[in-house]
């Protein structure tokens, strides 16, 4: 009887699983969507429309459409910016220039902020919940110092990464998803941190006819100003560290 009970128990006990059935399907669908989007971008050579020459050549038509269909133009612009940011596609600077040209410096900065923050949040969530293994394998050698910085002060560190243009925007989106920063802190720090850069490019977009290269916008003085703004965000960390040593 003992042997019979043991055999029955072994037969009816389900084998342990390491992941839910829906997890592989979700990852496959997401990977297929991302792959299809990126492949379509390069297959149809959409990058040719994300150039300063193309923007200047079509500026009259774009401006006329915006004036006649302002609401639709805003919705289309924000949607395209979300897609560009979420898929980590090139052309963010040109999109910001176009936003400034079509909507003005202030409204352009606002619409860019909505699109960029939403797209960055989508990339953040993808990295956190679905692409963690791939991101760690791809950028693992760069994660340790960033993880340490987030552990000390997530908001200030993320503000620094957003304000200093030396850190690629798409890489910060992906790496942030691997940290313990909560979603609210990430969204607020991203939204605030990209305002200076967005305004500079949106303001430059108003002078679209006089700009011949992106290098005229990202000049050394402007880059230095962004770096100083980023360093200011580190002041709370420095103060906390100094106060801790003094107390000890």
C-alpha atoms as a PDB file:
ATOM      1  CA  UNK A   1       0.000   0.000   0.000  1.00  0.00           C
ATOM      2  CA  UNK A   2       2.830   2.336   0.823  1.00  0.00           C
ATOM      3  CA  UNK A   3       4.343   1.832  -2.602  1.00  0.00           C
ATOM      4  CA  UNK A   4       0.964   2.400  -4.251  1.00  0.00           C
ATOM      5  CA  UNK A   5       0.414   5.660  -2.343  1.00  0.00           C
ATOM      6  CA  UNK A   6       3.893   6.879  -3.214  1.00  0.00           C
ATOM      7  CA  UNK A   7       3.425   6.067  -6.900  1.00  0.00           C
ATOM      8  CA  UNK A   8       0.038   7.837  -6.950  1.00  0.00           C
ATOM      9  CA  UNK A   9       1.450  10.916  -5.275  1.00  0.00           C
ATOM     10  CA  UNK A  10       4.346  11.098  -7.698  1.00  0.00           C
ATOM     11  CA  UNK A  11       1.969  10.704 -10.640  1.00  0.00           C
ATOM     12  CA  UNK A  12      -0.456  13.448  -9.553  1.00  0.00           C
ATOM     13  CA  UNK A  13       2.134  16.028  -8.439  1.00  0.00           C
ATOM     14  CA  UNK A  14       2.658  18.675 -11.182  1.00  0.00           C
ATOM     15  CA  UNK A  15       6.156  19.432 -12.267  1.00  0.00           C
ATOM     16  CA  UNK A  16       7.494  22.759 -10.939  1.00  0.00           C
ATOM     17  CA  UNK A  17       7.680  25.628 -13.404  1.00  0.00           C
ATOM     18  CA  UNK A  18      10.022  28.562 -13.355  1.00  0.00           C
ATOM     19  CA  UNK A  19       7.856  31.109 -15.207  1.00  0.00           C
ATOM     20  CA  UNK A  20       4.236  31.709 -16.012  1.00  0.00           C
ATOM     21  CA  UNK A  21       2.934  30.509 -19.388  1.00  0.00           C
ATOM     22  CA  UNK A  22       2.050  34.050 -20.426  1.00  0.00           C
ATOM     23  CA  UNK A  23       5.544  35.419 -19.801  1.00  0.00           C
ATOM     24  CA  UNK A  24       7.249  33.914 -22.888  1.00  0.00           C
ATOM     25  CA  UNK A  25       4.313  34.901 -25.085  1.00  0.00           C
ATOM     26  CA  UNK A  26       4.370  38.470 -23.826  1.00  0.00           C
ATOM     27  CA  UNK A  27       8.096  38.750 -24.384  1.00  0.00           C
ATOM     28  CA  UNK A  28       7.797  37.289 -27.864  1.00  0.00           C
ATOM     29  CA  UNK A  29       4.990  39.658 -28.862  1.00  0.00           C
ATOM     30  CA  UNK A  30       6.871  42.664 -27.513  1.00  0.00           C
ATOM     31  CA  UNK A  31      10.110  41.620 -29.202  1.00  0.00           C
ATOM     32  CA  UNK A  32       8.220  41.076 -32.464  1.00  0.00           C
ATOM     33  CA  UNK A  33       6.595  44.508 -32.194  1.00  0.00           C
ATOM     34  CA  UNK A  34       9.858  46.284 -31.427  1.00  0.00           C
ATOM     35  CA  UNK A  35      11.677  44.401 -34.167  1.00  0.00           C
ATOM     36  CA  UNK A  36       8.964  45.138 -36.725  1.00  0.00           C
ATOM     37  CA  UNK A  37       8.937  48.816 -35.849  1.00  0.00           C
ATOM     38  CA  UNK A  38      12.689  49.218 -36.089  1.00  0.00           C
ATOM     39  CA  UNK A  39      12.860  47.127 -39.260  1.00  0.00           C
ATOM     40  CA  UNK A  40      10.120  49.225 -40.882  1.00  0.00           C
ATOM     41  CA  UNK A  41      11.962  52.402 -39.981  1.00  0.00           C
ATOM     42  CA  UNK A  42      15.110  51.302 -41.790  1.00  0.00           C
ATOM     43  CA  UNK A  43      13.383  49.355 -44.590  1.00  0.00           C
ATOM     44  CA  UNK A  44      11.323  52.352 -45.680  1.00  0.00           C
ATOM     45  CA  UNK A  45      14.325  54.630 -45.077  1.00  0.00           C
ATOM     46  CA  UNK A  46      12.296  56.907 -42.846  1.00  0.00           C
ATOM     47  CA  UNK A  47      15.532  58.385 -41.570  1.00  0.00           C
ATOM     48  CA  UNK A  48      15.735  60.494 -44.726  1.00  0.00           C
ATOM     49  CA  UNK A  49      12.848  62.578 -43.386  1.00  0.00           C
ATOM     50  CA  UNK A  50      14.636  63.134 -40.078  1.00  0.00           C
ATOM     51  CA  UNK A  51      17.269  65.475 -41.447  1.00  0.00           C
ATOM     52  CA  UNK A  52      17.727  69.208 -41.207  1.00  0.00           C
ATOM     53  CA  UNK A  53      17.584  69.567 -44.997  1.00  0.00           C
ATOM     54  CA  UNK A  54      14.279  67.681 -45.202  1.00  0.00           C
ATOM     55  CA  UNK A  55      12.815  69.755 -42.400  1.00  0.00           C
ATOM     56  CA  UNK A  56      13.852  73.019 -44.046  1.00  0.00           C
ATOM     57  CA  UNK A  57      12.619  71.865 -47.466  1.00  0.00           C
ATOM     58  CA  UNK A  58       9.137  71.048 -46.121  1.00  0.00           C
ATOM     59  CA  UNK A  59       8.809  73.792 -43.548  1.00  0.00           C
ATOM     60  CA  UNK A  60       6.239  75.806 -45.531  1.00  0.00           C
ATOM     61  CA  UNK A  61       3.943  72.803 -45.971  1.00  0.00           C
ATOM     62  CA  UNK A  62       4.350  71.754 -42.351  1.00  0.00           C
ATOM     63  CA  UNK A  63       3.652  75.244 -41.081  1.00  0.00           C
ATOM     64  CA  UNK A  64       0.580  75.621 -43.315  1.00  0.00           C
ATOM     65  CA  UNK A  65      -0.857  72.302 -42.102  1.00  0.00           C
ATOM     66  CA  UNK A  66      -0.212  73.222 -38.463  1.00  0.00           C
ATOM     67  CA  UNK A  67      -1.958  76.568 -38.819  1.00  0.00           C
ATOM     68  CA  UNK A  68      -4.979  74.954 -40.506  1.00  0.00           C
ATOM     69  CA  UNK A  69      -5.151  71.858 -38.241  1.00  0.00           C
ATOM     70  CA  UNK A  70      -3.518  72.833 -34.972  1.00  0.00           C
ATOM     71  CA  UNK A  71      -5.098  70.145 -32.783  1.00  0.00           C
ATOM     72  CA  UNK A  72      -4.349  67.347 -35.239  1.00  0.00           C
ATOM     73  CA  UNK A  73      -0.804  68.611 -35.734  1.00  0.00           C
ATOM     74  CA  UNK A  74      -0.183  68.572 -31.971  1.00  0.00           C
ATOM     75  CA  UNK A  75      -1.582  65.038 -31.614  1.00  0.00           C
ATOM     76  CA  UNK A  76       0.463  63.727 -34.551  1.00  0.00           C
ATOM     77  CA  UNK A  77       3.638  65.395 -33.299  1.00  0.00           C
ATOM     78  CA  UNK A  78       3.305  63.999 -29.769  1.00  0.00           C
ATOM     79  CA  UNK A  79       2.460  60.515 -31.107  1.00  0.00           C
ATOM     80  CA  UNK A  80       5.502  60.486 -33.410  1.00  0.00           C
ATOM     81  CA  UNK A  81       7.727  61.694 -30.588  1.00  0.00           C
ATOM     82  CA  UNK A  82       6.449  58.936 -28.310  1.00  0.00           C
ATOM     83  CA  UNK A  83       7.159  56.308 -30.982  1.00  0.00           C
ATOM     84  CA  UNK A  84      10.617  57.721 -31.700  1.00  0.00           C
ATOM     85  CA  UNK A  85      11.556  57.707 -28.015  1.00  0.00           C
ATOM     86  CA  UNK A  86       9.958  54.390 -27.069  1.00  0.00           C
ATOM     87  CA  UNK A  87      11.685  52.595 -29.963  1.00  0.00           C
ATOM     88  CA  UNK A  88      14.979  54.446 -29.363  1.00  0.00           C
ATOM     89  CA  UNK A  89      15.033  55.617 -32.975  1.00  0.00           C
ATOM     90  CA  UNK A  90      17.286  58.426 -34.209  1.00  0.00           C
ATOM     91  CA  UNK A  91      15.907  61.904 -34.797  1.00  0.00           C
ATOM     92  CA  UNK A  92      15.041  63.231 -31.341  1.00  0.00           C
ATOM     93  CA  UNK A  93      16.948  66.477 -31.870  1.00  0.00           C
ATOM     94  CA  UNK A  94      15.281  67.066 -35.240  1.00  0.00           C
ATOM     95  CA  UNK A  95      11.868  66.349 -33.755  1.00  0.00           C
ATOM     96  CA  UNK A  96      12.514  68.925 -31.049  1.00  0.00           C
ATOM     97  CA  UNK A  97      13.621  71.460 -33.652  1.00  0.00           C
ATOM     98  CA  UNK A  98      10.413  70.821 -35.577  1.00  0.00           C
ATOM     99  CA  UNK A  99       8.375  71.270 -32.410  1.00  0.00           C
ATOM    100  CA  UNK A 100       9.903  74.669 -31.791  1.00  0.00           C
ATOM    101  CA  UNK A 101       9.419  75.726 -35.390  1.00  0.00           C
ATOM    102  CA  UNK A 102       5.784  74.621 -35.598  1.00  0.00           C
ATOM    103  CA  UNK A 103       4.506  75.506 -32.140  1.00  0.00           C
ATOM    104  CA  UNK A 104       6.926  78.066 -30.730  1.00  0.00           C
ATOM    105  CA  UNK A 105       9.547  77.796 -28.008  1.00  0.00           C
ATOM    106  CA  UNK A 106       7.230  77.352 -25.019  1.00  0.00           C
ATOM    107  CA  UNK A 107       4.507  75.188 -26.559  1.00  0.00           C
ATOM    108  CA  UNK A 108       7.139  73.248 -28.492  1.00  0.00           C
ATOM    109  CA  UNK A 109       8.991  72.505 -25.250  1.00  0.00           C
ATOM    110  CA  UNK A 110       5.728  71.421 -23.611  1.00  0.00           C
ATOM    111  CA  UNK A 111       4.735  69.055 -26.420  1.00  0.00           C
ATOM    112  CA  UNK A 112       8.264  67.643 -26.639  1.00  0.00           C
ATOM    113  CA  UNK A 113       8.222  67.071 -22.889  1.00  0.00           C
ATOM    114  CA  UNK A 114       4.947  65.138 -23.078  1.00  0.00           C
ATOM    115  CA  UNK A 115       6.129  62.986 -25.968  1.00  0.00           C
ATOM    116  CA  UNK A 116       9.648  62.374 -24.667  1.00  0.00           C
ATOM    117  CA  UNK A 117       8.549  61.634 -21.093  1.00  0.00           C
ATOM    118  CA  UNK A 118       5.821  59.240 -22.230  1.00  0.00           C
ATOM    119  CA  UNK A 119       8.127  57.439 -24.655  1.00  0.00           C
ATOM    120  CA  UNK A 120      10.920  57.262 -22.081  1.00  0.00           C
ATOM    121  CA  UNK A 121       8.488  55.814 -19.543  1.00  0.00           C
ATOM    122  CA  UNK A 122       7.431  53.125 -22.009  1.00  0.00           C
ATOM    123  CA  UNK A 123      11.077  52.214 -22.646  1.00  0.00           C
ATOM    124  CA  UNK A 124      11.647  52.172 -18.874  1.00  0.00           C
ATOM    125  CA  UNK A 125       8.751  49.749 -18.309  1.00  0.00           C
ATOM    126  CA  UNK A 126       9.884  47.514 -21.168  1.00  0.00           C
ATOM    127  CA  UNK A 127      13.378  47.295 -19.685  1.00  0.00           C
ATOM    128  CA  UNK A 128      12.065  46.635 -16.183  1.00  0.00           C
ATOM    129  CA  UNK A 129       9.457  43.977 -16.892  1.00  0.00           C
ATOM    130  CA  UNK A 130      10.254  42.401 -20.238  1.00  0.00           C
ATOM    131  CA  UNK A 131      13.799  43.102 -21.423  1.00  0.00           C
ATOM    132  CA  UNK A 132      15.769  42.911 -18.180  1.00  0.00           C
ATOM    133  CA  UNK A 133      17.881  39.909 -19.221  1.00  0.00           C
ATOM    134  CA  UNK A 134      18.720  41.370 -22.648  1.00  0.00           C
ATOM    135  CA  UNK A 135      19.666  44.793 -21.256  1.00  0.00           C
ATOM    136  CA  UNK A 136      21.875  43.274 -18.569  1.00  0.00           C
ATOM    137  CA  UNK A 137      23.653  41.157 -21.173  1.00  0.00           C
ATOM    138  CA  UNK A 138      24.034  44.087 -23.590  1.00  0.00           C
ATOM    139  CA  UNK A 139      25.081  46.812 -21.164  1.00  0.00           C
ATOM    140  CA  UNK A 140      26.128  44.827 -18.100  1.00  0.00           C
ATOM    141  CA  UNK A 141      29.619  46.334 -17.963  1.00  0.00           C
ATOM    142  CA  UNK A 142      28.117  49.826 -17.648  1.00  0.00           C
ATOM    143  CA  UNK A 143      25.524  49.076 -14.987  1.00  0.00           C
ATOM    144  CA  UNK A 144      27.551  48.912 -11.765  1.00  0.00           C
ATOM    145  CA  UNK A 145      28.414  52.635 -11.343  1.00  0.00           C
ATOM    146  CA  UNK A 146      24.898  53.675 -12.361  1.00  0.00           C
ATOM    147  CA  UNK A 147      23.338  51.184  -9.932  1.00  0.00           C
ATOM    148  CA  UNK A 148      25.513  52.571  -7.139  1.00  0.00           C
ATOM    149  CA  UNK A 149      24.449  56.117  -7.945  1.00  0.00           C
ATOM    150  CA  UNK A 150      20.776  55.233  -7.926  1.00  0.00           C
ATOM    151  CA  UNK A 151      21.157  53.457  -4.598  1.00  0.00           C
ATOM    152  CA  UNK A 152      22.380  56.682  -2.964  1.00  0.00           C
ATOM    153  CA  UNK A 153      19.863  59.184  -4.329  1.00  0.00           C
ATOM    154  CA  UNK A 154      17.695  58.104  -7.223  1.00  0.00           C
ATOM    155  CA  UNK A 155      16.072  61.467  -8.008  1.00  0.00           C
ATOM    156  CA  UNK A 156      19.243  63.567  -7.965  1.00  0.00           C
ATOM    157  CA  UNK A 157      21.250  60.981  -9.860  1.00  0.00           C
ATOM    158  CA  UNK A 158      18.600  60.610 -12.546  1.00  0.00           C
ATOM    159  CA  UNK A 159      18.339  64.405 -12.831  1.00  0.00           C
ATOM    160  CA  UNK A 160      22.092  64.512 -13.421  1.00  0.00           C
ATOM    161  CA  UNK A 161      21.883  61.891 -16.153  1.00  0.00           C
ATOM    162  CA  UNK A 162      19.086  63.835 -17.844  1.00  0.00           C
ATOM    163  CA  UNK A 163      20.729  67.250 -17.602  1.00  0.00           C
ATOM    164  CA  UNK A 164      24.217  66.274 -18.775  1.00  0.00           C
ATOM    165  CA  UNK A 165      24.038  65.565 -22.531  1.00  0.00           C
ATOM    166  CA  UNK A 166      27.020  63.181 -22.435  1.00  0.00           C
ATOM    167  CA  UNK A 167      24.720  60.328 -21.359  1.00  0.00           C
ATOM    168  CA  UNK A 168      22.653  58.851 -24.242  1.00  0.00           C
ATOM    169  CA  UNK A 169      18.950  59.379 -23.626  1.00  0.00           C
ATOM    170  CA  UNK A 170      17.909  55.904 -24.771  1.00  0.00           C
ATOM    171  CA  UNK A 171      20.572  54.208 -22.623  1.00  0.00           C
ATOM    172  CA  UNK A 172      19.398  56.023 -19.488  1.00  0.00           C
ATOM    173  CA  UNK A 173      15.837  54.878 -20.249  1.00  0.00           C
ATOM    174  CA  UNK A 174      16.877  51.232 -20.466  1.00  0.00           C
ATOM    175  CA  UNK A 175      19.309  51.219 -17.552  1.00  0.00           C
ATOM    176  CA  UNK A 176      16.866  53.027 -15.265  1.00  0.00           C
ATOM    177  CA  UNK A 177      14.457  50.126 -15.675  1.00  0.00           C
ATOM    178  CA  UNK A 178      17.041  47.842 -14.073  1.00  0.00           C
ATOM    179  CA  UNK A 179      17.350  49.953 -10.931  1.00  0.00           C
ATOM    180  CA  UNK A 180      15.091  50.185  -7.912  1.00  0.00           C
ATOM    181  CA  UNK A 181      13.888  53.710  -8.678  1.00  0.00           C
ATOM    182  CA  UNK A 182      10.091  53.862  -8.522  1.00  0.00           C
ATOM    183  CA  UNK A 183       8.054  54.883 -11.530  1.00  0.00           C
ATOM    184  CA  UNK A 184       6.895  58.205 -10.071  1.00  0.00           C
ATOM    185  CA  UNK A 185      10.430  59.371  -9.303  1.00  0.00           C
ATOM    186  CA  UNK A 186      11.571  58.344 -12.772  1.00  0.00           C
ATOM    187  CA  UNK A 187       8.771  60.220 -14.528  1.00  0.00           C
ATOM    188  CA  UNK A 188       9.197  63.430 -12.516  1.00  0.00           C
ATOM    189  CA  UNK A 189      12.996  63.482 -12.794  1.00  0.00           C
ATOM    190  CA  UNK A 190      12.836  62.775 -16.521  1.00  0.00           C
ATOM    191  CA  UNK A 191      10.202  65.414 -17.183  1.00  0.00           C
ATOM    192  CA  UNK A 192      12.088  68.113 -15.260  1.00  0.00           C
ATOM    193  CA  UNK A 193      15.550  67.075 -16.402  1.00  0.00           C
ATOM    194  CA  UNK A 194      14.843  67.333 -20.140  1.00  0.00           C
ATOM    195  CA  UNK A 195      13.289  70.817 -19.981  1.00  0.00           C
ATOM    196  CA  UNK A 196      16.537  72.830 -20.468  1.00  0.00           C
ATOM    197  CA  UNK A 197      17.710  70.806 -23.464  1.00  0.00           C
ATOM    198  CA  UNK A 198      14.255  70.732 -25.020  1.00  0.00           C
ATOM    199  CA  UNK A 199      13.881  74.486 -24.685  1.00  0.00           C
ATOM    200  CA  UNK A 200      17.279  75.177 -26.263  1.00  0.00           C
ATOM    201  CA  UNK A 201      16.447  73.077 -29.332  1.00  0.00           C
ATOM    202  CA  UNK A 202      12.866  74.341 -29.526  1.00  0.00           C
ATOM    203  CA  UNK A 203      14.086  77.927 -29.347  1.00  0.00           C
ATOM    204  CA  UNK A 204      16.598  77.190 -32.090  1.00  0.00           C
ATOM    205  CA  UNK A 205      13.780  75.757 -34.171  1.00  0.00           C
ATOM    206  CA  UNK A 206      12.247  79.214 -34.393  1.00  0.00           C
ATOM    207  CA  UNK A 207      15.325  80.278 -36.351  1.00  0.00           C
ATOM    208  CA  UNK A 208      15.096  77.288 -38.659  1.00  0.00           C
ATOM    209  CA  UNK A 209      15.994  79.269 -41.752  1.00  0.00           C
ATOM    210  CA  UNK A 210      19.360  80.328 -40.347  1.00  0.00           C
ATOM    211  CA  UNK A 211      20.521  76.942 -38.991  1.00  0.00           C
ATOM    212  CA  UNK A 212      22.845  74.918 -41.204  1.00  0.00           C
ATOM    213  CA  UNK A 213      23.936  72.154 -38.802  1.00  0.00           C
ATOM    214  CA  UNK A 214      23.056  70.712 -35.395  1.00  0.00           C
ATOM    215  CA  UNK A 215      26.548  71.672 -34.264  1.00  0.00           C
ATOM    216  CA  UNK A 216      25.439  75.298 -34.243  1.00  0.00           C
ATOM    217  CA  UNK A 217      22.950  74.428 -31.501  1.00  0.00           C
ATOM    218  CA  UNK A 218      25.044  72.049 -29.392  1.00  0.00           C
ATOM    219  CA  UNK A 219      27.885  74.528 -29.010  1.00  0.00           C
ATOM    220  CA  UNK A 220      30.510  74.169 -26.239  1.00  0.00           C
ATOM    221  CA  UNK A 221      28.996  76.958 -24.070  1.00  0.00           C
ATOM    222  CA  UNK A 222      25.560  75.307 -24.198  1.00  0.00           C
ATOM    223  CA  UNK A 223      26.987  71.871 -23.386  1.00  0.00           C
ATOM    224  CA  UNK A 224      28.968  73.386 -20.491  1.00  0.00           C
ATOM    225  CA  UNK A 225      25.808  75.007 -19.137  1.00  0.00           C
ATOM    226  CA  UNK A 226      24.000  71.669 -19.214  1.00  0.00           C
ATOM    227  CA  UNK A 227      26.897  70.010 -17.397  1.00  0.00           C
ATOM    228  CA  UNK A 228      26.801  72.642 -14.660  1.00  0.00           C
ATOM    229  CA  UNK A 229      23.068  72.138 -14.260  1.00  0.00           C
ATOM    230  CA  UNK A 230      23.680  68.435 -13.890  1.00  0.00           C
ATOM    231  CA  UNK A 231      26.301  68.997 -11.223  1.00  0.00           C
ATOM    232  CA  UNK A 232      23.853  71.146  -9.266  1.00  0.00           C
ATOM    233  CA  UNK A 233      21.581  68.137  -8.972  1.00  0.00           C
ATOM    234  CA  UNK A 234      24.390  66.321  -7.133  1.00  0.00           C
ATOM    235  CA  UNK A 235      24.474  68.899  -4.322  1.00  0.00           C
ATOM    236  CA  UNK A 236      21.973  66.992  -2.114  1.00  0.00           C
ATOM    237  CA  UNK A 237      24.148  63.881  -2.354  1.00  0.00           C
ATOM    238  CA  UNK A 238      27.326  65.816  -1.515  1.00  0.00           C
ATOM    239  CA  UNK A 239      25.634  67.545   1.428  1.00  0.00           C
ATOM    240  CA  UNK A 240      24.300  64.274   2.797  1.00  0.00           C
ATOM    241  CA  UNK A 241      27.725  62.619   2.488  1.00  0.00           C
ATOM    242  CA  UNK A 242      29.484  65.568   4.165  1.00  0.00           C
ATOM    243  CA  UNK A 243      26.939  65.717   6.976  1.00  0.00           C
ATOM    244  CA  UNK A 244      27.313  61.989   7.561  1.00  0.00           C
ATOM    245  CA  UNK A 245      31.091  62.236   7.890  1.00  0.00           C
ATOM    246  CA  UNK A 246      30.820  65.214  10.234  1.00  0.00           C
ATOM    247  CA  UNK A 247      28.360  63.371  12.468  1.00  0.00           C
ATOM    248  CA  UNK A 248      30.571  60.301  12.530  1.00  0.00           C
END
